Protein backbone atom coordinates (compact mmCIF):
# COMPACT_ATOMS: atom_id res chain seq x y z
CA UNK A 1 0.00 0.00 0.00
CA UNK A 2 1.34 3.42 -0.99
CA UNK A 3 1.55 5.82 2.02
CA UNK A 4 0.00 9.30 1.79
CA UNK A 5 2.22 12.15 0.62
CA UNK A 6 2.35 15.89 -0.05
CA UNK A 7 2.97 17.52 -3.45
CA UNK A 8 4.28 21.10 -3.56
CA UNK A 9 2.08 23.05 -6.00
CA UNK A 10 3.60 26.50 -5.32
CA UNK A 11 6.80 27.80 -3.77
CA UNK A 12 10.54 27.24 -4.27
CA UNK A 13 10.18 23.44 -4.11
CA UNK A 14 7.30 23.23 -6.59
CA UNK A 15 6.66 19.70 -7.86
CA UNK A 16 8.54 18.03 -4.99
CA UNK A 17 6.95 15.07 -3.23
CA UNK A 18 7.10 14.42 0.55
CA UNK A 19 6.09 10.94 1.74
CA UNK A 20 4.27 10.83 5.10
CA UNK A 21 5.77 7.56 6.36
CA UNK A 22 6.24 8.59 10.03
CA UNK A 23 3.46 8.92 12.65
CA UNK A 24 3.90 12.70 12.61
CA UNK A 25 5.37 15.06 10.02
CA UNK A 26 6.45 18.49 11.24
CA UNK A 27 6.53 21.64 9.09
CA UNK A 28 8.27 24.92 9.97
CA UNK A 29 11.23 27.26 9.51
CA UNK A 30 13.44 25.34 11.96
CA UNK A 31 16.13 23.07 10.60
CA UNK A 32 14.91 20.12 12.72
CA UNK A 33 11.51 19.93 10.92
CA UNK A 34 10.68 17.22 8.42
CA UNK A 35 9.73 19.92 5.91
CA UNK A 36 11.82 23.08 6.24
CA UNK A 37 10.30 26.24 4.72
CA UNK A 38 12.66 29.25 4.56
CA UNK A 39 9.84 31.79 4.68
CA UNK A 40 9.49 34.77 7.00
CA UNK A 41 5.75 34.11 7.21
CA UNK A 42 6.34 30.62 8.59
CA UNK A 43 6.96 29.99 12.31
CA UNK A 44 9.80 27.85 13.58
CA UNK A 45 7.31 25.08 14.32
CA UNK A 46 4.30 25.94 12.24
CA UNK A 47 2.22 22.75 11.79
CA UNK A 48 2.26 18.98 12.18
CA UNK A 49 0.53 16.23 10.18
CA UNK A 50 -0.33 13.07 12.13
CA UNK A 51 -1.39 9.69 10.80
CA UNK A 52 -4.24 8.19 12.80
CA UNK A 53 -6.33 5.06 12.30
CA UNK A 54 -9.10 7.09 10.65
CA UNK A 55 -6.68 9.00 8.41
CA UNK A 56 -4.37 11.97 8.41
CA UNK A 57 -4.99 15.18 10.37
CA UNK A 58 -3.19 18.56 10.34
CA UNK A 59 -2.77 20.71 13.47
CA UNK A 60 -1.84 24.38 13.62
CA UNK A 61 0.80 24.86 16.38
CA UNK A 62 -0.28 28.43 17.23
CA UNK A 63 1.54 30.30 14.48
CA UNK A 64 1.01 33.97 13.71
CA UNK A 65 -0.20 33.13 10.18
CA UNK A 66 -2.72 30.29 10.56
CA UNK A 67 -2.69 27.19 8.37
CA UNK A 68 -5.31 27.19 5.59
CA UNK A 69 -7.06 24.01 4.45
CA UNK A 70 -9.08 24.65 1.29
CA UNK A 71 -8.88 28.41 2.05
CA UNK A 72 -10.32 27.92 5.58
CA UNK A 73 -8.05 29.04 8.49
CA UNK A 74 -7.55 26.51 11.31
CA UNK A 75 -7.92 27.08 15.02
CA UNK A 76 -4.61 26.54 16.91
CA UNK A 77 -4.36 23.07 18.41
CA UNK A 78 -7.60 21.79 16.77
CA UNK A 79 -7.00 18.76 14.47
CA UNK A 80 -8.42 19.06 10.96
CA UNK A 81 -9.18 15.85 9.03
CA UNK A 82 -7.48 15.72 5.61
CA UNK A 83 -9.18 14.23 2.61
CA UNK A 84 -7.74 13.23 -0.73
CA UNK A 85 -6.59 16.28 -2.75
CA UNK A 86 -7.09 18.80 0.09
CA UNK A 87 -5.01 21.97 -0.40
CA UNK A 88 -2.89 23.02 2.62
CA UNK A 89 -1.39 26.56 2.59
CA UNK A 90 1.50 27.38 4.96
CA UNK A 91 3.00 30.81 4.29
CA UNK A 92 3.83 31.00 0.56
CA UNK A 93 3.89 27.22 0.13
CA UNK A 94 0.84 25.45 -1.32
CA UNK A 95 0.75 21.70 -0.69
CA UNK A 96 -1.71 19.08 -1.99
CA UNK A 97 -2.50 16.15 0.31
CA UNK A 98 -2.69 12.85 -1.59
CA UNK A 99 -3.73 9.52 -0.09
CA UNK A 100 -1.99 6.36 -1.22
CA UNK A 101 -5.27 4.60 -2.06
CA UNK A 102 -7.86 7.19 -3.06
CA UNK A 103 -11.48 6.23 -2.71
CA UNK A 104 -12.90 4.67 -5.84
CA UNK A 105 -16.64 4.35 -6.22
CA UNK A 106 -17.65 0.69 -6.45
CA UNK A 107 -18.87 -0.42 -9.84
CA UNK A 108 -22.50 -1.41 -9.82
CA UNK A 109 -23.22 -4.89 -11.16
CA UNK A 110 -24.63 -4.82 -14.63
CA UNK A 111 -27.98 -6.35 -15.41
CA UNK A 112 -27.77 -9.99 -16.47
CA UNK A 113 -28.08 -10.45 -20.17
CA UNK A 114 -29.76 -13.40 -21.77
CA UNK A 115 -27.68 -15.54 -24.13
CA UNK A 116 -28.15 -14.82 -27.78
CA UNK A 117 -30.29 -17.19 -29.81
CA UNK A 118 -28.48 -18.42 -32.91
CA UNK A 119 -30.49 -19.60 -35.90
CA UNK A 120 -28.49 -22.00 -38.05
CA UNK A 121 -28.53 -21.58 -41.81
CA UNK A 122 -29.93 -18.04 -41.97
CA UNK A 123 -26.71 -16.13 -42.65
CA UNK A 124 -25.28 -16.13 -46.13
CA UNK A 125 -21.80 -17.15 -44.97
CA UNK A 126 -22.84 -20.26 -43.01
CA UNK A 127 -23.71 -20.66 -39.34
CA UNK A 128 -21.79 -18.52 -36.84
CA UNK A 129 -19.70 -20.23 -34.17
CA UNK A 130 -21.67 -20.62 -30.92
CA UNK A 131 -20.73 -21.53 -27.40
CA UNK A 132 -21.96 -24.65 -25.59
CA UNK A 133 -24.70 -22.63 -23.89
CA UNK A 134 -25.82 -21.02 -27.14
CA UNK A 135 -25.65 -24.25 -29.14
CA UNK A 136 -28.18 -25.83 -26.78
CA UNK A 137 -30.63 -23.03 -27.66
CA UNK A 138 -30.40 -23.35 -31.43
CA UNK A 139 -33.78 -23.04 -33.12
CA UNK A 140 -34.35 -25.52 -36.00
CA UNK A 141 -35.24 -24.05 -39.35
CA UNK A 142 -38.78 -24.89 -40.40
CA UNK A 143 -39.32 -26.31 -43.93
CA UNK A 144 -40.52 -23.89 -46.54
CA UNK A 145 -44.28 -23.93 -47.01
CA UNK A 146 -45.82 -24.89 -50.36
CA UNK A 147 -47.17 -22.03 -52.50
CA UNK A 148 -50.85 -21.25 -52.16
CA UNK A 149 -52.94 -22.71 -55.00
CA UNK A 150 -55.76 -20.70 -56.62
CA UNK A 151 -59.32 -21.70 -55.61
CA UNK A 152 -61.30 -23.91 -58.05
CA UNK A 153 -63.47 -22.18 -60.61
CA UNK A 154 -66.66 -23.85 -59.48
CA UNK A 155 -66.24 -22.44 -55.97
CA UNK A 156 -68.98 -20.19 -54.68
CA UNK A 157 -66.50 -17.60 -53.51
CA UNK A 158 -65.81 -14.80 -56.02
CA UNK A 159 -62.45 -15.13 -57.78
CA UNK A 160 -59.67 -13.01 -56.41
CA UNK A 161 -58.09 -10.32 -58.56
CA UNK A 162 -54.81 -12.21 -58.42
CA UNK A 163 -56.34 -15.23 -60.28
CA UNK A 164 -58.32 -13.38 -63.02
CA UNK A 165 -57.37 -14.32 -66.62
CA UNK A 166 -55.22 -11.86 -68.46
CA UNK A 167 -57.09 -9.65 -71.01
CA UNK A 168 -56.38 -10.27 -74.74
CA UNK A 169 -53.85 -7.98 -76.34
CA UNK A 170 -55.21 -4.86 -78.02
CA UNK A 171 -55.12 -4.72 -81.83
CA UNK A 172 -53.58 -1.65 -83.45
CA UNK A 173 -56.13 0.87 -84.77
CA UNK A 174 -55.52 2.16 -88.33
CA UNK A 175 -56.92 5.60 -89.00
CA UNK A 176 -57.89 6.56 -92.63
CA UNK A 177 -57.36 10.24 -93.45
CA UNK A 178 -60.56 12.02 -94.63
CA UNK A 179 -61.10 12.57 -98.37
CA UNK A 180 -60.28 16.08 -99.58
CA UNK A 181 -63.36 18.27 -100.06
CA UNK A 182 -63.78 20.32 -103.30
CA UNK A 183 -62.96 23.97 -102.96
CA UNK A 184 -65.90 26.20 -103.81
CA UNK A 185 -65.44 29.34 -105.81
CA UNK A 186 -65.87 32.75 -104.31
CA UNK A 187 -69.46 33.91 -104.40
CA UNK A 188 -70.96 30.38 -104.56
CA UNK A 189 -70.80 29.51 -100.86
CA UNK A 190 -74.34 28.96 -99.51
CA UNK A 191 -76.05 28.94 -102.95
CA UNK A 192 -78.07 26.12 -104.52
CA UNK A 193 -76.52 24.06 -107.28
CA UNK A 194 -78.76 25.47 -110.13
CA UNK A 195 -77.90 28.98 -109.07
CA UNK A 196 -74.23 28.11 -108.97
CA UNK A 197 -74.44 26.63 -112.50
CA UNK A 198 -76.16 29.77 -113.77
CA UNK A 199 -73.46 31.92 -112.33
CA UNK A 200 -70.80 29.82 -113.99
CA UNK A 201 -72.52 29.92 -117.45
CA UNK A 202 -73.16 33.69 -117.38
CA UNK A 203 -70.82 35.67 -119.67
CA UNK A 204 -68.19 37.62 -117.94
CA UNK A 205 -68.78 41.35 -117.79
CA UNK A 206 -66.16 43.55 -119.41
CA UNK A 207 -63.91 45.21 -117.02
CA UNK A 208 -64.64 48.88 -116.42
CA UNK A 209 -62.00 51.23 -117.78
CA UNK A 210 -59.83 52.71 -115.20
CA UNK A 211 -59.44 56.49 -115.09
CA UNK A 212 -56.52 57.79 -117.11
CA UNK A 213 -54.55 60.36 -115.27
CA UNK A 214 -53.02 61.66 -118.55
CA UNK A 215 -56.41 62.70 -120.01
CA UNK A 216 -56.68 66.52 -119.72
CA UNK A 217 -59.43 67.73 -117.51
CA UNK A 218 -61.67 70.44 -119.14
CA UNK A 219 -62.92 73.03 -116.72
CA UNK A 220 -65.88 74.97 -118.04
CA UNK A 221 -66.28 78.53 -116.91
CA UNK A 222 -69.68 79.85 -115.99
CA UNK A 223 -70.83 82.72 -118.23
CA UNK A 224 -71.20 86.00 -116.55
CA UNK A 225 -74.66 86.97 -115.47
CA UNK A 226 -76.38 89.23 -117.88
C-alpha atoms as a PDB file:
ATOM      1  CA  UNK A   1       0.000   0.000   0.000  1.00  0.00           C
ATOM      2  CA  UNK A   2       1.341   3.419  -0.986  1.00  0.00           C
ATOM      3  CA  UNK A   3       1.550   5.823   2.020  1.00  0.00           C
ATOM      4  CA  UNK A   4      -0.002   9.300   1.795  1.00  0.00           C
ATOM      5  CA  UNK A   5       2.216  12.152   0.617  1.00  0.00           C
ATOM      6  CA  UNK A   6       2.347  15.891  -0.050  1.00  0.00           C
ATOM      7  CA  UNK A   7       2.970  17.521  -3.453  1.00  0.00           C
ATOM      8  CA  UNK A   8       4.285  21.098  -3.560  1.00  0.00           C
ATOM      9  CA  UNK A   9       2.084  23.050  -5.996  1.00  0.00           C
ATOM     10  CA  UNK A  10       3.601  26.499  -5.321  1.00  0.00           C
ATOM     11  CA  UNK A  11       6.798  27.804  -3.774  1.00  0.00           C
ATOM     12  CA  UNK A  12      10.536  27.240  -4.269  1.00  0.00           C
ATOM     13  CA  UNK A  13      10.178  23.435  -4.114  1.00  0.00           C
ATOM     14  CA  UNK A  14       7.300  23.226  -6.587  1.00  0.00           C
ATOM     15  CA  UNK A  15       6.657  19.705  -7.861  1.00  0.00           C
ATOM     16  CA  UNK A  16       8.539  18.027  -4.990  1.00  0.00           C
ATOM     17  CA  UNK A  17       6.947  15.068  -3.235  1.00  0.00           C
ATOM     18  CA  UNK A  18       7.101  14.421   0.545  1.00  0.00           C
ATOM     19  CA  UNK A  19       6.091  10.937   1.739  1.00  0.00           C
ATOM     20  CA  UNK A  20       4.268  10.828   5.100  1.00  0.00           C
ATOM     21  CA  UNK A  21       5.766   7.564   6.360  1.00  0.00           C
ATOM     22  CA  UNK A  22       6.241   8.592  10.029  1.00  0.00           C
ATOM     23  CA  UNK A  23       3.457   8.918  12.651  1.00  0.00           C
ATOM     24  CA  UNK A  24       3.904  12.703  12.615  1.00  0.00           C
ATOM     25  CA  UNK A  25       5.369  15.062  10.023  1.00  0.00           C
ATOM     26  CA  UNK A  26       6.446  18.494  11.237  1.00  0.00           C
ATOM     27  CA  UNK A  27       6.529  21.636   9.088  1.00  0.00           C
ATOM     28  CA  UNK A  28       8.273  24.918   9.970  1.00  0.00           C
ATOM     29  CA  UNK A  29      11.226  27.263   9.513  1.00  0.00           C
ATOM     30  CA  UNK A  30      13.443  25.341  11.958  1.00  0.00           C
ATOM     31  CA  UNK A  31      16.128  23.068  10.600  1.00  0.00           C
ATOM     32  CA  UNK A  32      14.912  20.122  12.723  1.00  0.00           C
ATOM     33  CA  UNK A  33      11.515  19.925  10.918  1.00  0.00           C
ATOM     34  CA  UNK A  34      10.676  17.217   8.417  1.00  0.00           C
ATOM     35  CA  UNK A  35       9.730  19.923   5.912  1.00  0.00           C
ATOM     36  CA  UNK A  36      11.822  23.080   6.244  1.00  0.00           C
ATOM     37  CA  UNK A  37      10.298  26.243   4.718  1.00  0.00           C
ATOM     38  CA  UNK A  38      12.664  29.252   4.559  1.00  0.00           C
ATOM     39  CA  UNK A  39       9.843  31.789   4.676  1.00  0.00           C
ATOM     40  CA  UNK A  40       9.486  34.774   6.998  1.00  0.00           C
ATOM     41  CA  UNK A  41       5.748  34.114   7.214  1.00  0.00           C
ATOM     42  CA  UNK A  42       6.345  30.615   8.591  1.00  0.00           C
ATOM     43  CA  UNK A  43       6.961  29.988  12.306  1.00  0.00           C
ATOM     44  CA  UNK A  44       9.799  27.846  13.578  1.00  0.00           C
ATOM     45  CA  UNK A  45       7.311  25.084  14.323  1.00  0.00           C
ATOM     46  CA  UNK A  46       4.303  25.938  12.238  1.00  0.00           C
ATOM     47  CA  UNK A  47       2.219  22.753  11.787  1.00  0.00           C
ATOM     48  CA  UNK A  48       2.259  18.981  12.182  1.00  0.00           C
ATOM     49  CA  UNK A  49       0.531  16.227  10.179  1.00  0.00           C
ATOM     50  CA  UNK A  50      -0.328  13.070  12.128  1.00  0.00           C
ATOM     51  CA  UNK A  51      -1.391   9.691  10.805  1.00  0.00           C
ATOM     52  CA  UNK A  52      -4.236   8.188  12.796  1.00  0.00           C
ATOM     53  CA  UNK A  53      -6.326   5.062  12.305  1.00  0.00           C
ATOM     54  CA  UNK A  54      -9.100   7.088  10.645  1.00  0.00           C
ATOM     55  CA  UNK A  55      -6.681   9.001   8.408  1.00  0.00           C
ATOM     56  CA  UNK A  56      -4.367  11.971   8.411  1.00  0.00           C
ATOM     57  CA  UNK A  57      -4.991  15.184  10.369  1.00  0.00           C
ATOM     58  CA  UNK A  58      -3.190  18.556  10.338  1.00  0.00           C
ATOM     59  CA  UNK A  59      -2.767  20.709  13.469  1.00  0.00           C
ATOM     60  CA  UNK A  60      -1.841  24.383  13.617  1.00  0.00           C
ATOM     61  CA  UNK A  61       0.797  24.864  16.377  1.00  0.00           C
ATOM     62  CA  UNK A  62      -0.283  28.428  17.229  1.00  0.00           C
ATOM     63  CA  UNK A  63       1.540  30.299  14.476  1.00  0.00           C
ATOM     64  CA  UNK A  64       1.009  33.966  13.711  1.00  0.00           C
ATOM     65  CA  UNK A  65      -0.196  33.128  10.177  1.00  0.00           C
ATOM     66  CA  UNK A  66      -2.716  30.287  10.564  1.00  0.00           C
ATOM     67  CA  UNK A  67      -2.692  27.192   8.373  1.00  0.00           C
ATOM     68  CA  UNK A  68      -5.306  27.194   5.588  1.00  0.00           C
ATOM     69  CA  UNK A  69      -7.059  24.009   4.449  1.00  0.00           C
ATOM     70  CA  UNK A  70      -9.080  24.647   1.290  1.00  0.00           C
ATOM     71  CA  UNK A  71      -8.875  28.414   2.050  1.00  0.00           C
ATOM     72  CA  UNK A  72     -10.320  27.922   5.578  1.00  0.00           C
ATOM     73  CA  UNK A  73      -8.048  29.038   8.492  1.00  0.00           C
ATOM     74  CA  UNK A  74      -7.546  26.512  11.314  1.00  0.00           C
ATOM     75  CA  UNK A  75      -7.918  27.076  15.021  1.00  0.00           C
ATOM     76  CA  UNK A  76      -4.608  26.541  16.906  1.00  0.00           C
ATOM     77  CA  UNK A  77      -4.361  23.073  18.413  1.00  0.00           C
ATOM     78  CA  UNK A  78      -7.602  21.786  16.770  1.00  0.00           C
ATOM     79  CA  UNK A  79      -6.997  18.756  14.475  1.00  0.00           C
ATOM     80  CA  UNK A  80      -8.421  19.061  10.958  1.00  0.00           C
ATOM     81  CA  UNK A  81      -9.176  15.851   9.034  1.00  0.00           C
ATOM     82  CA  UNK A  82      -7.479  15.715   5.614  1.00  0.00           C
ATOM     83  CA  UNK A  83      -9.184  14.234   2.606  1.00  0.00           C
ATOM     84  CA  UNK A  84      -7.739  13.235  -0.732  1.00  0.00           C
ATOM     85  CA  UNK A  85      -6.587  16.277  -2.749  1.00  0.00           C
ATOM     86  CA  UNK A  86      -7.088  18.797   0.088  1.00  0.00           C
ATOM     87  CA  UNK A  87      -5.008  21.975  -0.399  1.00  0.00           C
ATOM     88  CA  UNK A  88      -2.890  23.022   2.615  1.00  0.00           C
ATOM     89  CA  UNK A  89      -1.393  26.562   2.593  1.00  0.00           C
ATOM     90  CA  UNK A  90       1.496  27.381   4.958  1.00  0.00           C
ATOM     91  CA  UNK A  91       3.001  30.808   4.293  1.00  0.00           C
ATOM     92  CA  UNK A  92       3.826  31.003   0.558  1.00  0.00           C
ATOM     93  CA  UNK A  93       3.891  27.215   0.126  1.00  0.00           C
ATOM     94  CA  UNK A  94       0.836  25.453  -1.322  1.00  0.00           C
ATOM     95  CA  UNK A  95       0.753  21.697  -0.688  1.00  0.00           C
ATOM     96  CA  UNK A  96      -1.708  19.081  -1.987  1.00  0.00           C
ATOM     97  CA  UNK A  97      -2.500  16.146   0.312  1.00  0.00           C
ATOM     98  CA  UNK A  98      -2.695  12.847  -1.586  1.00  0.00           C
ATOM     99  CA  UNK A  99      -3.731   9.521  -0.095  1.00  0.00           C
ATOM    100  CA  UNK A 100      -1.986   6.365  -1.221  1.00  0.00           C
ATOM    101  CA  UNK A 101      -5.268   4.603  -2.062  1.00  0.00           C
ATOM    102  CA  UNK A 102      -7.861   7.194  -3.064  1.00  0.00           C
ATOM    103  CA  UNK A 103     -11.482   6.233  -2.712  1.00  0.00           C
ATOM    104  CA  UNK A 104     -12.902   4.674  -5.840  1.00  0.00           C
ATOM    105  CA  UNK A 105     -16.644   4.353  -6.224  1.00  0.00           C
ATOM    106  CA  UNK A 106     -17.648   0.692  -6.451  1.00  0.00           C
ATOM    107  CA  UNK A 107     -18.867  -0.418  -9.839  1.00  0.00           C
ATOM    108  CA  UNK A 108     -22.496  -1.406  -9.823  1.00  0.00           C
ATOM    109  CA  UNK A 109     -23.217  -4.892 -11.159  1.00  0.00           C
ATOM    110  CA  UNK A 110     -24.627  -4.824 -14.632  1.00  0.00           C
ATOM    111  CA  UNK A 111     -27.979  -6.348 -15.413  1.00  0.00           C
ATOM    112  CA  UNK A 112     -27.768  -9.989 -16.470  1.00  0.00           C
ATOM    113  CA  UNK A 113     -28.085 -10.446 -20.169  1.00  0.00           C
ATOM    114  CA  UNK A 114     -29.756 -13.402 -21.774  1.00  0.00           C
ATOM    115  CA  UNK A 115     -27.682 -15.544 -24.130  1.00  0.00           C
ATOM    116  CA  UNK A 116     -28.152 -14.821 -27.784  1.00  0.00           C
ATOM    117  CA  UNK A 117     -30.286 -17.191 -29.805  1.00  0.00           C
ATOM    118  CA  UNK A 118     -28.480 -18.421 -32.910  1.00  0.00           C
ATOM    119  CA  UNK A 119     -30.492 -19.604 -35.903  1.00  0.00           C
ATOM    120  CA  UNK A 120     -28.488 -21.995 -38.051  1.00  0.00           C
ATOM    121  CA  UNK A 121     -28.527 -21.584 -41.813  1.00  0.00           C
ATOM    122  CA  UNK A 122     -29.931 -18.036 -41.974  1.00  0.00           C
ATOM    123  CA  UNK A 123     -26.712 -16.127 -42.652  1.00  0.00           C
ATOM    124  CA  UNK A 124     -25.279 -16.134 -46.130  1.00  0.00           C
ATOM    125  CA  UNK A 125     -21.796 -17.148 -44.972  1.00  0.00           C
ATOM    126  CA  UNK A 126     -22.840 -20.262 -43.006  1.00  0.00           C
ATOM    127  CA  UNK A 127     -23.706 -20.662 -39.339  1.00  0.00           C
ATOM    128  CA  UNK A 128     -21.791 -18.519 -36.842  1.00  0.00           C
ATOM    129  CA  UNK A 129     -19.698 -20.232 -34.166  1.00  0.00           C
ATOM    130  CA  UNK A 130     -21.667 -20.621 -30.916  1.00  0.00           C
ATOM    131  CA  UNK A 131     -20.732 -21.527 -27.401  1.00  0.00           C
ATOM    132  CA  UNK A 132     -21.960 -24.649 -25.594  1.00  0.00           C
ATOM    133  CA  UNK A 133     -24.700 -22.626 -23.893  1.00  0.00           C
ATOM    134  CA  UNK A 134     -25.815 -21.018 -27.144  1.00  0.00           C
ATOM    135  CA  UNK A 135     -25.649 -24.249 -29.141  1.00  0.00           C
ATOM    136  CA  UNK A 136     -28.184 -25.828 -26.779  1.00  0.00           C
ATOM    137  CA  UNK A 137     -30.629 -23.028 -27.661  1.00  0.00           C
ATOM    138  CA  UNK A 138     -30.400 -23.345 -31.433  1.00  0.00           C
ATOM    139  CA  UNK A 139     -33.776 -23.041 -33.122  1.00  0.00           C
ATOM    140  CA  UNK A 140     -34.347 -25.519 -35.997  1.00  0.00           C
ATOM    141  CA  UNK A 141     -35.236 -24.055 -39.351  1.00  0.00           C
ATOM    142  CA  UNK A 142     -38.783 -24.888 -40.401  1.00  0.00           C
ATOM    143  CA  UNK A 143     -39.317 -26.308 -43.929  1.00  0.00           C
ATOM    144  CA  UNK A 144     -40.521 -23.886 -46.545  1.00  0.00           C
ATOM    145  CA  UNK A 145     -44.282 -23.929 -47.008  1.00  0.00           C
ATOM    146  CA  UNK A 146     -45.821 -24.892 -50.359  1.00  0.00           C
ATOM    147  CA  UNK A 147     -47.173 -22.035 -52.496  1.00  0.00           C
ATOM    148  CA  UNK A 148     -50.852 -21.247 -52.162  1.00  0.00           C
ATOM    149  CA  UNK A 149     -52.937 -22.711 -55.005  1.00  0.00           C
ATOM    150  CA  UNK A 150     -55.759 -20.697 -56.624  1.00  0.00           C
ATOM    151  CA  UNK A 151     -59.316 -21.699 -55.614  1.00  0.00           C
ATOM    152  CA  UNK A 152     -61.298 -23.913 -58.047  1.00  0.00           C
ATOM    153  CA  UNK A 153     -63.468 -22.178 -60.615  1.00  0.00           C
ATOM    154  CA  UNK A 154     -66.662 -23.851 -59.484  1.00  0.00           C
ATOM    155  CA  UNK A 155     -66.238 -22.441 -55.970  1.00  0.00           C
ATOM    156  CA  UNK A 156     -68.983 -20.186 -54.676  1.00  0.00           C
ATOM    157  CA  UNK A 157     -66.495 -17.598 -53.512  1.00  0.00           C
ATOM    158  CA  UNK A 158     -65.812 -14.798 -56.025  1.00  0.00           C
ATOM    159  CA  UNK A 159     -62.447 -15.134 -57.781  1.00  0.00           C
ATOM    160  CA  UNK A 160     -59.668 -13.006 -56.409  1.00  0.00           C
ATOM    161  CA  UNK A 161     -58.092 -10.320 -58.556  1.00  0.00           C
ATOM    162  CA  UNK A 162     -54.808 -12.212 -58.419  1.00  0.00           C
ATOM    163  CA  UNK A 163     -56.339 -15.226 -60.284  1.00  0.00           C
ATOM    164  CA  UNK A 164     -58.318 -13.379 -63.019  1.00  0.00           C
ATOM    165  CA  UNK A 165     -57.368 -14.321 -66.623  1.00  0.00           C
ATOM    166  CA  UNK A 166     -55.224 -11.861 -68.462  1.00  0.00           C
ATOM    167  CA  UNK A 167     -57.089  -9.648 -71.008  1.00  0.00           C
ATOM    168  CA  UNK A 168     -56.382 -10.273 -74.736  1.00  0.00           C
ATOM    169  CA  UNK A 169     -53.848  -7.978 -76.340  1.00  0.00           C
ATOM    170  CA  UNK A 170     -55.215  -4.862 -78.017  1.00  0.00           C
ATOM    171  CA  UNK A 171     -55.119  -4.716 -81.827  1.00  0.00           C
ATOM    172  CA  UNK A 172     -53.582  -1.649 -83.447  1.00  0.00           C
ATOM    173  CA  UNK A 173     -56.133   0.868 -84.768  1.00  0.00           C
ATOM    174  CA  UNK A 174     -55.523   2.161 -88.331  1.00  0.00           C
ATOM    175  CA  UNK A 175     -56.924   5.601 -89.004  1.00  0.00           C
ATOM    176  CA  UNK A 176     -57.886   6.559 -92.630  1.00  0.00           C
ATOM    177  CA  UNK A 177     -57.365  10.243 -93.451  1.00  0.00           C
ATOM    178  CA  UNK A 178     -60.562  12.023 -94.630  1.00  0.00           C
ATOM    179  CA  UNK A 179     -61.097  12.570 -98.367  1.00  0.00           C
ATOM    180  CA  UNK A 180     -60.281  16.082 -99.583  1.00  0.00           C
ATOM    181  CA  UNK A 181     -63.359  18.275-100.057  1.00  0.00           C
ATOM    182  CA  UNK A 182     -63.780  20.315-103.298  1.00  0.00           C
ATOM    183  CA  UNK A 183     -62.958  23.969-102.958  1.00  0.00           C
ATOM    184  CA  UNK A 184     -65.896  26.196-103.812  1.00  0.00           C
ATOM    185  CA  UNK A 185     -65.436  29.342-105.807  1.00  0.00           C
ATOM    186  CA  UNK A 186     -65.875  32.745-104.314  1.00  0.00           C
ATOM    187  CA  UNK A 187     -69.462  33.910-104.400  1.00  0.00           C
ATOM    188  CA  UNK A 188     -70.958  30.384-104.564  1.00  0.00           C
ATOM    189  CA  UNK A 189     -70.804  29.507-100.864  1.00  0.00           C
ATOM    190  CA  UNK A 190     -74.340  28.956 -99.512  1.00  0.00           C
ATOM    191  CA  UNK A 191     -76.053  28.942-102.954  1.00  0.00           C
ATOM    192  CA  UNK A 192     -78.067  26.121-104.521  1.00  0.00           C
ATOM    193  CA  UNK A 193     -76.517  24.061-107.276  1.00  0.00           C
ATOM    194  CA  UNK A 194     -78.759  25.471-110.131  1.00  0.00           C
ATOM    195  CA  UNK A 195     -77.898  28.977-109.070  1.00  0.00           C
ATOM    196  CA  UNK A 196     -74.226  28.110-108.972  1.00  0.00           C
ATOM    197  CA  UNK A 197     -74.440  26.625-112.505  1.00  0.00           C
ATOM    198  CA  UNK A 198     -76.162  29.772-113.774  1.00  0.00           C
ATOM    199  CA  UNK A 199     -73.460  31.921-112.328  1.00  0.00           C
ATOM    200  CA  UNK A 200     -70.803  29.815-113.991  1.00  0.00           C
ATOM    201  CA  UNK A 201     -72.524  29.917-117.454  1.00  0.00           C
ATOM    202  CA  UNK A 202     -73.164  33.694-117.381  1.00  0.00           C
ATOM    203  CA  UNK A 203     -70.816  35.666-119.669  1.00  0.00           C
ATOM    204  CA  UNK A 204     -68.190  37.617-117.937  1.00  0.00           C
ATOM    205  CA  UNK A 205     -68.777  41.352-117.792  1.00  0.00           C
ATOM    206  CA  UNK A 206     -66.163  43.554-119.408  1.00  0.00           C
ATOM    207  CA  UNK A 207     -63.911  45.207-117.022  1.00  0.00           C
ATOM    208  CA  UNK A 208     -64.644  48.880-116.417  1.00  0.00           C
ATOM    209  CA  UNK A 209     -62.004  51.225-117.776  1.00  0.00           C
ATOM    210  CA  UNK A 210     -59.835  52.714-115.200  1.00  0.00           C
ATOM    211  CA  UNK A 211     -59.438  56.486-115.095  1.00  0.00           C
ATOM    212  CA  UNK A 212     -56.525  57.786-117.105  1.00  0.00           C
ATOM    213  CA  UNK A 213     -54.548  60.360-115.269  1.00  0.00           C
ATOM    214  CA  UNK A 214     -53.024  61.655-118.546  1.00  0.00           C
ATOM    215  CA  UNK A 215     -56.409  62.705-120.015  1.00  0.00           C
ATOM    216  CA  UNK A 216     -56.677  66.522-119.719  1.00  0.00           C
ATOM    217  CA  UNK A 217     -59.432  67.726-117.507  1.00  0.00           C
ATOM    218  CA  UNK A 218     -61.672  70.443-119.138  1.00  0.00           C
ATOM    219  CA  UNK A 219     -62.918  73.034-116.719  1.00  0.00           C
ATOM    220  CA  UNK A 220     -65.876  74.966-118.038  1.00  0.00           C
ATOM    221  CA  UNK A 221     -66.280  78.531-116.913  1.00  0.00           C
ATOM    222  CA  UNK A 222     -69.677  79.850-115.989  1.00  0.00           C
ATOM    223  CA  UNK A 223     -70.828  82.716-118.226  1.00  0.00           C
ATOM    224  CA  UNK A 224     -71.198  86.004-116.545  1.00  0.00           C
ATOM    225  CA  UNK A 225     -74.660  86.966-115.466  1.00  0.00           C
ATOM    226  CA  UNK A 226     -76.384  89.234-117.884  1.00  0.00           C
END
